[in-house]
Amino acid sequence: MQRPIFIGIVILVGAMAAIAYVSLFTVYQSQQALILRFGEAKRTITEPGLNWKIPIADTVIFLEKRILDLDSPVQEVIASDRKRLVVDAFARYKIVDPLKFFQTMNNVRQANSRLANVLNSAVRRVLGDATFVNIVRDDRPALMKRISSQTNLASAGFGIEIIDVRIRRADLPEANSQAVYRRMQTERQREAAEARAQGQEASQRVRSRADRDVVVIEAEATQEAETTRGVGDATRNQIFNEAFGKDPEFFTFYRSMQAYTRGLKSSDTRLVISPNSAFFRYFNDPRGRAPNNPATGG
C-alpha cells in the first residue's frame, strides 16, 4: 500500500510542477507584459514580479519598458531660404500603452520602421519653415523641440511617447559645401585686398602729411635762422660801429688784419699790386700812415 501512495504523491507533485511551469511567468524590471486569451487582450502587467496565466488559453507578449532608440535615415531637406541641407536625426521613445502598441505596431522592428517615416516627415516640415542660419546656429534647440512635439502628436495613437529628438548633423551637401567654401575664400581675399588698399592709402596720406610737415618745419626753421642771422649781423655791425666810434685807428687796424688773413691764405695766392698801395700800409708803417708820393713831392 505504501508504494502506490508514494508513486501517487510523486505523480501529483510532478503534475503540480508542470502546471506551475506552464502557468507562472516572471516579468523583469526592463519588461512589461500583455496577456492575450485566445488572441483577445485581457490585462497588462507593468510591474516586475511573478505572475500567472491560464495554460493554453493565455499567451504572454513581452515588451520593452526601457527607453528605445530610433535612428532616422539621412535625408536632404530644403530650408525656407532655398538652401539644401543633409540632415541626420534620431529619437528616443518608450512604450507607454502595451495594448495600443501591440495592436498598431506589433513589435519594435515594425515600430521603428513606421516611426522613422513619422520622424522624417516632422523634420521636413519643421526645417522647411526655417532658414539655413536658424537650423545650423540660432534656433536649433527650439526646432528640435518642435520636431519632438509634432512626432509625439503623430505617434500618440501608437501607444508610445517620444522622449527626445536630436539632430546629429545638419550640413550642406558636399558639392554645396565646396562652393560655399570657395565663395567664402573669394570674399575673404577681396576683403584682404580692400584692407591692403585702404592701408596703403592711409600710409600714403600719413607719408604725404609728414613730407608736408617736414617742408613747413624746414621753411619755418630757415626763416627763423635767417631772422636770427639778420639780428646777429645787425648786432655785429652795431658793435663794429660802436668800436669804430671809440677807437677808429684800432678798428681800421683790426679790419686790415682781417683783410690780410682772408687775402693772404696759405694757398697759391698771387697779388698784382704795388707795395706802396693802401692795402700794405701797415707793412710800411706800423701806424698805417699812407706813404709819401714821390711824384707829388710828399
C-alpha atoms as a PDB file:
ATOM      1  CA  MET A   1       0.000   0.000   0.000  1.00  0.00           C
ATOM      2  CA  GLN A   2       2.837   2.405   0.746  1.00  0.00           C
ATOM      3  CA  ARG A   3       4.449   2.097  -2.648  1.00  0.00           C
ATOM      4  CA  PRO A   4       1.311   3.089  -4.653  1.00  0.00           C
ATOM      5  CA  ILE A   5       0.800   6.054  -2.289  1.00  0.00           C
ATOM      6  CA  PHE A   6       4.373   7.222  -2.831  1.00  0.00           C
ATOM      7  CA  ILE A   7       4.002   6.895  -6.584  1.00  0.00           C
ATOM      8  CA  GLY A   8       0.737   8.850  -6.419  1.00  0.00           C
ATOM      9  CA  ILE A   9       2.396  11.635  -4.444  1.00  0.00           C
ATOM     10  CA  VAL A  10       5.239  11.826  -6.951  1.00  0.00           C
ATOM     11  CA  ILE A  11       2.797  11.987  -9.837  1.00  0.00           C
ATOM     12  CA  LEU A  12       0.791  14.696  -8.040  1.00  0.00           C
ATOM     13  CA  VAL A  13       3.886  16.772  -7.334  1.00  0.00           C
ATOM     14  CA  GLY A  14       5.038  16.368 -10.913  1.00  0.00           C
ATOM     15  CA  ALA A  15       1.643  17.395 -12.203  1.00  0.00           C
ATOM     16  CA  MET A  16       1.611  20.450  -9.959  1.00  0.00           C
ATOM     17  CA  ALA A  17       5.131  21.373 -11.069  1.00  0.00           C
ATOM     18  CA  ALA A  18       4.107  21.029 -14.700  1.00  0.00           C
ATOM     19  CA  ILE A  19       1.008  23.174 -14.108  1.00  0.00           C
ATOM     20  CA  ALA A  20       3.131  25.785 -12.287  1.00  0.00           C
ATOM     21  CA  TYR A  21       5.671  25.739 -15.105  1.00  0.00           C
ATOM     22  CA  VAL A  22       3.072  26.471 -17.759  1.00  0.00           C
ATOM     23  CA  SER A  23       1.038  28.834 -15.550  1.00  0.00           C
ATOM     24  CA  LEU A  24       3.663  31.062 -13.912  1.00  0.00           C
ATOM     25  CA  PHE A  25       5.978  33.558 -15.596  1.00  0.00           C
ATOM     26  CA  THR A  26       8.332  36.331 -14.495  1.00  0.00           C
ATOM     27  CA  VAL A  27       8.260  39.965 -15.627  1.00  0.00           C
ATOM     28  CA  TYR A  28      11.674  41.620 -15.217  1.00  0.00           C
ATOM     29  CA  GLN A  29      12.473  45.245 -14.412  1.00  0.00           C
ATOM     30  CA  SER A  30      13.142  46.084 -18.057  1.00  0.00           C
ATOM     31  CA  GLN A  31       9.923  44.463 -19.297  1.00  0.00           C
ATOM     32  CA  GLN A  32       6.164  44.862 -19.354  1.00  0.00           C
ATOM     33  CA  ALA A  33       3.732  42.138 -20.416  1.00  0.00           C
ATOM     34  CA  LEU A  34       0.445  41.867 -22.274  1.00  0.00           C
ATOM     35  CA  ILE A  35      -1.818  38.832 -21.577  1.00  0.00           C
ATOM     36  CA  LEU A  36      -3.850  37.593 -24.561  1.00  0.00           C
ATOM     37  CA  ARG A  37      -6.583  34.999 -24.092  1.00  0.00           C
ATOM     38  CA  PHE A  38      -7.352  33.293 -27.373  1.00  0.00           C
ATOM     39  CA  GLY A  39      -5.994  36.406 -29.132  1.00  0.00           C
ATOM     40  CA  GLU A  40      -8.024  38.889 -27.074  1.00  0.00           C
ATOM     41  CA  ALA A  41      -6.195  41.248 -24.723  1.00  0.00           C
ATOM     42  CA  LYS A  42      -7.100  40.613 -21.098  1.00  0.00           C
ATOM     43  CA  ARG A  43      -4.672  42.511 -18.918  1.00  0.00           C
ATOM     44  CA  THR A  44      -1.424  44.443 -18.909  1.00  0.00           C
ATOM     45  CA  ILE A  45       1.400  43.922 -16.441  1.00  0.00           C
ATOM     46  CA  THR A  46       3.791  46.860 -15.958  1.00  0.00           C
ATOM     47  CA  GLU A  47       5.308  45.952 -12.572  1.00  0.00           C
ATOM     48  CA  PRO A  48       8.115  43.387 -12.236  1.00  0.00           C
ATOM     49  CA  GLY A  49       7.494  40.125 -10.393  1.00  0.00           C
ATOM     50  CA  LEU A  50       5.989  36.635 -10.621  1.00  0.00           C
ATOM     51  CA  ASN A  51       2.610  36.391 -12.435  1.00  0.00           C
ATOM     52  CA  TRP A  52       0.257  33.680 -13.615  1.00  0.00           C
ATOM     53  CA  LYS A  53      -1.654  32.765 -16.753  1.00  0.00           C
ATOM     54  CA  ILE A  54      -4.111  30.129 -17.871  1.00  0.00           C
ATOM     55  CA  PRO A  55      -2.215  27.444 -19.727  1.00  0.00           C
ATOM     56  CA  ILE A  56      -3.048  27.016 -23.397  1.00  0.00           C
ATOM     57  CA  ALA A  57      -5.678  29.777 -23.265  1.00  0.00           C
ATOM     58  CA  ASP A  58      -3.345  32.673 -22.371  1.00  0.00           C
ATOM     59  CA  THR A  59      -0.378  33.965 -24.324  1.00  0.00           C
ATOM     60  CA  VAL A  60       2.170  36.388 -22.814  1.00  0.00           C
ATOM     61  CA  ILE A  61       3.662  39.116 -25.019  1.00  0.00           C
ATOM     62  CA  PHE A  62       6.749  40.741 -23.502  1.00  0.00           C
ATOM     63  CA  LEU A  63       7.508  44.349 -24.471  1.00  0.00           C
ATOM     64  CA  GLU A  64      10.393  46.667 -23.637  1.00  0.00           C
ATOM     65  CA  LYS A  65       9.938  49.032 -20.726  1.00  0.00           C
ATOM     66  CA  ARG A  66      13.255  50.800 -21.278  1.00  0.00           C
ATOM     67  CA  ILE A  67      13.791  53.847 -23.494  1.00  0.00           C
ATOM     68  CA  LEU A  68      14.368  52.762 -27.092  1.00  0.00           C
ATOM     69  CA  ASP A  69      16.489  54.424 -29.778  1.00  0.00           C
ATOM     70  CA  LEU A  70      15.237  55.283 -33.256  1.00  0.00           C
ATOM     71  CA  ASP A  71      17.800  56.082 -35.952  1.00  0.00           C
ATOM     72  CA  SER A  72      16.332  58.033 -38.834  1.00  0.00           C
ATOM     73  CA  PRO A  73      17.880  57.662 -42.303  1.00  0.00           C
ATOM     74  CA  VAL A  74      19.891  60.644 -43.528  1.00  0.00           C
ATOM     75  CA  GLN A  75      17.714  62.840 -45.711  1.00  0.00           C
ATOM     76  CA  GLU A  76      18.022  66.022 -47.739  1.00  0.00           C
ATOM     77  CA  VAL A  77      15.870  68.944 -46.616  1.00  0.00           C
ATOM     78  CA  ILE A  78      15.258  72.271 -48.389  1.00  0.00           C
ATOM     79  CA  ALA A  79      15.190  75.200 -45.954  1.00  0.00           C
ATOM     80  CA  SER A  80      12.920  78.220 -46.343  1.00  0.00           C
ATOM     81  CA  ASP A  81      15.738  80.223 -47.990  1.00  0.00           C
ATOM     82  CA  ARG A  82      16.148  77.507 -50.672  1.00  0.00           C
ATOM     83  CA  LYS A  83      19.313  76.079 -49.136  1.00  0.00           C
ATOM     84  CA  ARG A  84      19.704  72.303 -49.347  1.00  0.00           C
ATOM     85  CA  LEU A  85      20.732  70.538 -46.152  1.00  0.00           C
ATOM     86  CA  VAL A  86      21.744  66.979 -45.342  1.00  0.00           C
ATOM     87  CA  VAL A  87      20.052  66.179 -42.015  1.00  0.00           C
ATOM     88  CA  ASP A  88      20.778  63.228 -39.738  1.00  0.00           C
ATOM     89  CA  ALA A  89      18.308  62.993 -36.816  1.00  0.00           C
ATOM     90  CA  PHE A  90      17.463  60.395 -34.165  1.00  0.00           C
ATOM     91  CA  ALA A  91      14.768  59.985 -31.497  1.00  0.00           C
ATOM     92  CA  ARG A  92      14.284  58.194 -28.198  1.00  0.00           C
ATOM     93  CA  TYR A  93      10.938  56.790 -27.175  1.00  0.00           C
ATOM     94  CA  LYS A  94       9.271  54.371 -24.782  1.00  0.00           C
ATOM     95  CA  ILE A  95       6.160  52.174 -24.835  1.00  0.00           C
ATOM     96  CA  VAL A  96       3.528  53.656 -22.517  1.00  0.00           C
ATOM     97  CA  ASP A  97       0.490  51.633 -23.644  1.00  0.00           C
ATOM     98  CA  PRO A  98       1.393  47.999 -24.404  1.00  0.00           C
ATOM     99  CA  LEU A  99      -2.067  47.194 -25.788  1.00  0.00           C
ATOM    100  CA  LYS A 100      -2.102  50.073 -28.303  1.00  0.00           C
ATOM    101  CA  PHE A 101       1.485  49.359 -29.213  1.00  0.00           C
ATOM    102  CA  PHE A 102       0.731  45.685 -29.882  1.00  0.00           C
ATOM    103  CA  GLN A 103      -2.404  46.488 -31.858  1.00  0.00           C
ATOM    104  CA  THR A 104      -0.753  49.124 -34.041  1.00  0.00           C
ATOM    105  CA  MET A 105       2.910  48.136 -34.190  1.00  0.00           C
ATOM    106  CA  ASN A 106       3.055  44.505 -33.056  1.00  0.00           C
ATOM    107  CA  ASN A 107       6.819  44.652 -32.403  1.00  0.00           C
ATOM    108  CA  VAL A 108       9.751  47.057 -32.040  1.00  0.00           C
ATOM    109  CA  ARG A 109      11.114  46.425 -35.540  1.00  0.00           C
ATOM    110  CA  GLN A 110       7.878  47.471 -37.218  1.00  0.00           C
ATOM    111  CA  ALA A 111       7.550  50.367 -34.761  1.00  0.00           C
ATOM    112  CA  ASN A 112      10.988  51.689 -35.747  1.00  0.00           C
ATOM    113  CA  SER A 113      10.086  51.461 -39.424  1.00  0.00           C
ATOM    114  CA  ARG A 114       6.831  53.416 -39.032  1.00  0.00           C
ATOM    115  CA  LEU A 115       8.262  55.918 -36.558  1.00  0.00           C
ATOM    116  CA  ALA A 116      11.163  56.682 -38.922  1.00  0.00           C
ATOM    117  CA  ASN A 117       8.640  57.837 -41.549  1.00  0.00           C
ATOM    118  CA  VAL A 118       6.813  59.955 -38.958  1.00  0.00           C
ATOM    119  CA  LEU A 119      10.086  61.489 -37.753  1.00  0.00           C
ATOM    120  CA  ASN A 120      11.303  62.234 -41.282  1.00  0.00           C
ATOM    121  CA  SER A 121       8.016  63.958 -42.118  1.00  0.00           C
ATOM    122  CA  ALA A 122       8.229  66.117 -38.976  1.00  0.00           C
ATOM    123  CA  VAL A 123      11.862  67.003 -39.745  1.00  0.00           C
ATOM    124  CA  ARG A 124      10.980  68.094 -43.297  1.00  0.00           C
ATOM    125  CA  ARG A 125       8.010  70.174 -42.123  1.00  0.00           C
ATOM    126  CA  VAL A 126       9.809  71.983 -39.306  1.00  0.00           C
ATOM    127  CA  LEU A 127      13.138  72.544 -41.031  1.00  0.00           C
ATOM    128  CA  GLY A 128      11.389  73.521 -44.275  1.00  0.00           C
ATOM    129  CA  ASP A 129       9.927  76.536 -42.452  1.00  0.00           C
ATOM    130  CA  ALA A 130      13.295  77.637 -41.014  1.00  0.00           C
ATOM    131  CA  THR A 131      16.283  79.363 -42.596  1.00  0.00           C
ATOM    132  CA  PHE A 132      19.719  77.850 -43.011  1.00  0.00           C
ATOM    133  CA  VAL A 133      21.218  80.065 -40.279  1.00  0.00           C
ATOM    134  CA  ASN A 134      18.443  79.195 -37.819  1.00  0.00           C
ATOM    135  CA  ILE A 135      18.926  75.476 -38.424  1.00  0.00           C
ATOM    136  CA  VAL A 136      22.696  75.334 -38.051  1.00  0.00           C
ATOM    137  CA  ARG A 137      23.147  78.000 -35.378  1.00  0.00           C
ATOM    138  CA  ASP A 138      20.429  80.246 -33.959  1.00  0.00           C
ATOM    139  CA  ASP A 139      17.222  78.240 -33.303  1.00  0.00           C
ATOM    140  CA  ARG A 140      18.384  74.635 -33.328  1.00  0.00           C
ATOM    141  CA  PRO A 141      17.152  73.708 -29.787  1.00  0.00           C
ATOM    142  CA  ALA A 142      13.731  75.253 -30.457  1.00  0.00           C
ATOM    143  CA  LEU A 143      13.481  73.435 -33.802  1.00  0.00           C
ATOM    144  CA  MET A 144      14.270  70.095 -32.145  1.00  0.00           C
ATOM    145  CA  LYS A 145      11.520  70.729 -29.585  1.00  0.00           C
ATOM    146  CA  ARG A 146       9.046  71.426 -32.390  1.00  0.00           C
ATOM    147  CA  ILE A 147      10.061  68.226 -34.197  1.00  0.00           C
ATOM    148  CA  SER A 148       9.678  66.262 -30.963  1.00  0.00           C
ATOM    149  CA  SER A 149       6.216  67.768 -30.339  1.00  0.00           C
ATOM    150  CA  GLN A 150       4.965  67.008 -33.855  1.00  0.00           C
ATOM    151  CA  THR A 151       6.384  63.479 -33.790  1.00  0.00           C
ATOM    152  CA  ASN A 152       4.773  62.850 -30.408  1.00  0.00           C
ATOM    153  CA  LEU A 153       1.426  64.128 -31.681  1.00  0.00           C
ATOM    154  CA  ALA A 154       1.567  61.933 -34.795  1.00  0.00           C
ATOM    155  CA  SER A 155       2.546  58.816 -32.832  1.00  0.00           C
ATOM    156  CA  ALA A 156       0.088  59.276 -29.932  1.00  0.00           C
ATOM    157  CA  GLY A 157      -2.147  56.500 -31.292  1.00  0.00           C
ATOM    158  CA  PHE A 158       0.744  54.028 -31.345  1.00  0.00           C
ATOM    159  CA  GLY A 159       0.950  53.645 -27.571  1.00  0.00           C
ATOM    160  CA  ILE A 160       4.380  55.252 -27.389  1.00  0.00           C
ATOM    161  CA  GLU A 161       5.817  58.516 -26.084  1.00  0.00           C
ATOM    162  CA  ILE A 162       8.629  60.413 -27.785  1.00  0.00           C
ATOM    163  CA  ILE A 163      11.131  61.369 -25.099  1.00  0.00           C
ATOM    164  CA  ASP A 164      13.540  63.391 -27.200  1.00  0.00           C
ATOM    165  CA  VAL A 165      14.511  64.228 -30.764  1.00  0.00           C
ATOM    166  CA  ARG A 166      18.037  65.311 -31.679  1.00  0.00           C
ATOM    167  CA  ILE A 167      19.713  66.449 -34.886  1.00  0.00           C
ATOM    168  CA  ARG A 168      23.137  64.878 -35.162  1.00  0.00           C
ATOM    169  CA  ARG A 169      24.173  66.784 -38.246  1.00  0.00           C
ATOM    170  CA  ALA A 170      22.698  69.477 -40.463  1.00  0.00           C
ATOM    171  CA  ASP A 171      25.205  70.391 -43.166  1.00  0.00           C
ATOM    172  CA  LEU A 172      25.266  71.481 -46.747  1.00  0.00           C
ATOM    173  CA  PRO A 173      25.775  68.754 -49.360  1.00  0.00           C
ATOM    174  CA  GLU A 174      29.393  68.138 -50.294  1.00  0.00           C
ATOM    175  CA  ALA A 175      29.162  69.993 -53.616  1.00  0.00           C
ATOM    176  CA  ASN A 176      27.431  72.946 -51.986  1.00  0.00           C
ATOM    177  CA  SER A 177      29.945  72.970 -49.150  1.00  0.00           C
ATOM    178  CA  GLN A 178      32.817  73.237 -51.625  1.00  0.00           C
ATOM    179  CA  ALA A 179      31.027  76.044 -53.492  1.00  0.00           C
ATOM    180  CA  VAL A 180      30.355  77.893 -50.239  1.00  0.00           C
ATOM    181  CA  TYR A 181      33.968  77.391 -49.199  1.00  0.00           C
ATOM    182  CA  ARG A 182      35.242  78.808 -52.476  1.00  0.00           C
ATOM    183  CA  ARG A 183      32.829  81.740 -52.227  1.00  0.00           C
ATOM    184  CA  MET A 184      33.931  82.431 -48.660  1.00  0.00           C
ATOM    185  CA  GLN A 185      37.565  82.190 -49.739  1.00  0.00           C
ATOM    186  CA  THR A 186      36.951  84.674 -52.567  1.00  0.00           C
ATOM    187  CA  GLU A 187      35.157  87.061 -50.210  1.00  0.00           C
ATOM    188  CA  ARG A 188      37.974  86.878 -47.682  1.00  0.00           C
ATOM    189  CA  GLN A 189      40.542  87.515 -50.406  1.00  0.00           C
ATOM    190  CA  ARG A 190      38.537  90.512 -51.615  1.00  0.00           C
ATOM    191  CA  GLU A 191      38.267  91.844 -48.065  1.00  0.00           C
ATOM    192  CA  ALA A 192      42.016  91.354 -47.609  1.00  0.00           C
ATOM    193  CA  ALA A 193      42.728  93.225 -50.857  1.00  0.00           C
ATOM    194  CA  GLU A 194      40.431  96.068 -49.779  1.00  0.00           C
ATOM    195  CA  ALA A 195      42.114  96.196 -46.378  1.00  0.00           C
ATOM    196  CA  ARG A 196      45.550  96.345 -48.033  1.00  0.00           C
ATOM    197  CA  ALA A 197      44.404  99.092 -50.410  1.00  0.00           C
ATOM    198  CA  GLN A 198      42.950 101.084 -47.530  1.00  0.00           C
ATOM    199  CA  GLY A 199      46.145 100.559 -45.563  1.00  0.00           C
ATOM    200  CA  GLN A 200      48.284 101.735 -48.470  1.00  0.00           C
ATOM    201  CA  GLU A 201      46.026 104.755 -48.941  1.00  0.00           C
ATOM    202  CA  ALA A 202      46.258 105.623 -45.253  1.00  0.00           C
ATOM    203  CA  SER A 203      50.020 105.090 -45.370  1.00  0.00           C
ATOM    204  CA  GLN A 204      50.301 107.421 -48.372  1.00  0.00           C
ATOM    205  CA  ARG A 205      48.218 110.067 -46.597  1.00  0.00           C
ATOM    206  CA  VAL A 206      50.393 109.829 -43.492  1.00  0.00           C
ATOM    207  CA  ARG A 207      53.566 109.959 -45.601  1.00  0.00           C
ATOM    208  CA  SER A 208      52.303 112.961 -47.590  1.00  0.00           C
ATOM    209  CA  ARG A 209      51.278 114.736 -44.399  1.00  0.00           C
ATOM    210  CA  ALA A 210      54.708 114.003 -42.899  1.00  0.00           C
ATOM    211  CA  ASP A 211      56.502 115.287 -46.029  1.00  0.00           C
ATOM    212  CA  ARG A 212      54.386 118.442 -45.963  1.00  0.00           C
ATOM    213  CA  ASP A 213      55.108 118.927 -42.274  1.00  0.00           C
ATOM    214  CA  VAL A 214      58.831 118.476 -42.969  1.00  0.00           C
ATOM    215  CA  VAL A 215      58.741 121.186 -45.667  1.00  0.00           C
ATOM    216  CA  VAL A 216      56.810 123.539 -43.388  1.00  0.00           C
ATOM    217  CA  ILE A 217      59.132 122.864 -40.446  1.00  0.00           C
ATOM    218  CA  GLU A 218      62.228 123.367 -42.617  1.00  0.00           C
ATOM    219  CA  ALA A 219      60.801 126.597 -44.059  1.00  0.00           C
ATOM    220  CA  GLU A 220      59.941 127.892 -40.610  1.00  0.00           C
ATOM    221  CA  ALA A 221      63.369 126.863 -39.296  1.00  0.00           C
ATOM    222  CA  THR A 222      65.086 128.539 -42.262  1.00  0.00           C
ATOM    223  CA  GLN A 223      63.040 131.669 -41.723  1.00  0.00           C
ATOM    224  CA  GLU A 224      63.854 131.693 -38.034  1.00  0.00           C
ATOM    225  CA  ALA A 225      67.549 131.051 -38.800  1.00  0.00           C
ATOM    226  CA  GLU A 226      67.644 133.880 -41.324  1.00  0.00           C
ATOM    227  CA  THR A 227      65.899 136.157 -38.872  1.00  0.00           C
ATOM    228  CA  THR A 228      68.367 135.222 -36.150  1.00  0.00           C
ATOM    229  CA  ARG A 229      71.280 135.632 -38.579  1.00  0.00           C
ATOM    230  CA  GLY A 230      69.986 139.059 -39.615  1.00  0.00           C
ATOM    231  CA  VAL A 231      69.625 140.089 -35.989  1.00  0.00           C
ATOM    232  CA  GLY A 232      73.161 138.815 -35.339  1.00  0.00           C
ATOM    233  CA  ASP A 233      74.580 140.684 -38.317  1.00  0.00           C
ATOM    234  CA  ALA A 234      72.830 143.852 -37.215  1.00  0.00           C
ATOM    235  CA  THR A 235      74.162 143.398 -33.693  1.00  0.00           C
ATOM    236  CA  ARG A 236      77.631 142.741 -35.058  1.00  0.00           C
ATOM    237  CA  ASN A 237      77.537 145.855 -37.246  1.00  0.00           C
ATOM    238  CA  GLN A 238      76.295 147.862 -34.302  1.00  0.00           C
ATOM    239  CA  ILE A 239      79.213 146.581 -32.210  1.00  0.00           C
ATOM    240  CA  PHE A 240      81.611 147.388 -35.030  1.00  0.00           C
ATOM    241  CA  ASN A 241      80.180 150.894 -35.352  1.00  0.00           C
ATOM    242  CA  GLU A 242      80.426 151.452 -31.628  1.00  0.00           C
ATOM    243  CA  ALA A 243      84.014 150.122 -31.619  1.00  0.00           C
ATOM    244  CA  PHE A 244      84.885 152.347 -34.584  1.00  0.00           C
ATOM    245  CA  GLY A 245      83.441 155.350 -32.800  1.00  0.00           C
ATOM    246  CA  LYS A 246      85.507 154.641 -29.680  1.00  0.00           C
ATOM    247  CA  ASP A 247      88.854 153.983 -31.468  1.00  0.00           C
ATOM    248  CA  PRO A 248      88.789 154.458 -35.258  1.00  0.00           C
ATOM    249  CA  GLU A 249      92.516 153.784 -35.599  1.00  0.00           C
ATOM    250  CA  PHE A 250      92.364 150.411 -33.845  1.00  0.00           C
ATOM    251  CA  PHE A 251      89.234 149.454 -35.768  1.00  0.00           C
ATOM    252  CA  THR A 252      90.996 150.263 -39.050  1.00  0.00           C
ATOM    253  CA  PHE A 253      93.960 148.145 -37.938  1.00  0.00           C
ATOM    254  CA  TYR A 254      91.665 145.261 -36.988  1.00  0.00           C
ATOM    255  CA  ARG A 255      89.852 145.320 -40.318  1.00  0.00           C
ATOM    256  CA  SER A 256      93.160 145.401 -42.175  1.00  0.00           C
ATOM    257  CA  MET A 257      94.338 142.333 -40.263  1.00  0.00           C
ATOM    258  CA  GLN A 258      91.159 140.520 -41.283  1.00  0.00           C
ATOM    259  CA  ALA A 259      91.759 141.518 -44.887  1.00  0.00           C
ATOM    260  CA  TYR A 260      95.323 140.194 -44.707  1.00  0.00           C
ATOM    261  CA  THR A 261      94.026 136.897 -43.231  1.00  0.00           C
ATOM    262  CA  ARG A 262      91.486 136.399 -45.999  1.00  0.00           C
ATOM    263  CA  GLY A 263      93.647 137.676 -48.830  1.00  0.00           C
ATOM    264  CA  LEU A 264      96.962 136.070 -47.921  1.00  0.00           C
ATOM    265  CA  LYS A 265      95.936 132.476 -47.346  1.00  0.00           C
ATOM    266  CA  SER A 266      98.301 129.516 -47.389  1.00  0.00           C
ATOM    267  CA  SER A 267      97.113 128.518 -50.833  1.00  0.00           C
ATOM    268  CA  ASP A 268      98.757 129.709 -54.017  1.00  0.00           C
ATOM    269  CA  THR A 269      97.828 133.387 -53.605  1.00  0.00           C
ATOM    270  CA  ARG A 270      99.130 135.924 -56.103  1.00  0.00           C
ATOM    271  CA  LEU A 271      98.514 139.654 -55.886  1.00  0.00           C
ATOM    272  CA  VAL A 272      99.473 142.052 -58.668  1.00  0.00           C
ATOM    273  CA  ILE A 273      99.521 145.268 -56.644  1.00  0.00           C
ATOM    274  CA  SER A 274     102.016 147.999 -55.792  1.00  0.00           C
ATOM    275  CA  PRO A 275     103.781 147.602 -52.427  1.00  0.00           C
ATOM    276  CA  ASN A 276     103.092 151.270 -51.768  1.00  0.00           C
ATOM    277  CA  SER A 277      99.344 150.817 -52.056  1.00  0.00           C
ATOM    278  CA  ALA A 278      96.989 151.467 -49.131  1.00  0.00           C
ATOM    279  CA  PHE A 279      96.462 147.721 -48.758  1.00  0.00           C
ATOM    280  CA  PHE A 280     100.057 147.316 -47.456  1.00  0.00           C
ATOM    281  CA  ARG A 281     100.226 150.469 -45.410  1.00  0.00           C
ATOM    282  CA  TYR A 282     100.653 148.559 -42.145  1.00  0.00           C
ATOM    283  CA  PHE A 283     103.580 146.704 -43.702  1.00  0.00           C
ATOM    284  CA  ASN A 284     105.259 150.002 -44.491  1.00  0.00           C
ATOM    285  CA  ASP A 285     104.244 151.861 -41.345  1.00  0.00           C
ATOM    286  CA  PRO A 286     103.093 150.261 -38.037  1.00  0.00           C
ATOM    287  CA  ARG A 287     100.691 153.127 -37.551  1.00  0.00           C
ATOM    288  CA  GLY A 288      99.240 152.669 -41.014  1.00  0.00           C
ATOM    289  CA  ARG A 289     100.094 156.042 -42.380  1.00  0.00           C
ATOM    290  CA  ALA A 290      99.972 156.370 -46.109  1.00  0.00           C
ATOM    291  CA  PRO A 291     103.407 156.527 -47.783  1.00  0.00           C
ATOM    292  CA  ASN A 292     104.611 159.802 -49.410  1.00  0.00           C
ATOM    293  CA  ASN A 293     104.029 160.011 -53.131  1.00  0.00           C
ATOM    294  CA  PRO A 294     107.381 160.889 -54.786  1.00  0.00           C
ATOM    295  CA  ALA A 295     105.546 162.145 -57.808  1.00  0.00           C
ATOM    296  CA  THR A 296     103.801 164.805 -55.731  1.00  0.00           C
ATOM    297  CA  GLY A 297     106.848 165.505 -53.532  1.00  0.00           C
ATOM    298  CA  GLY A 298     105.066 164.303 -50.357  1.00  0.00           C
END
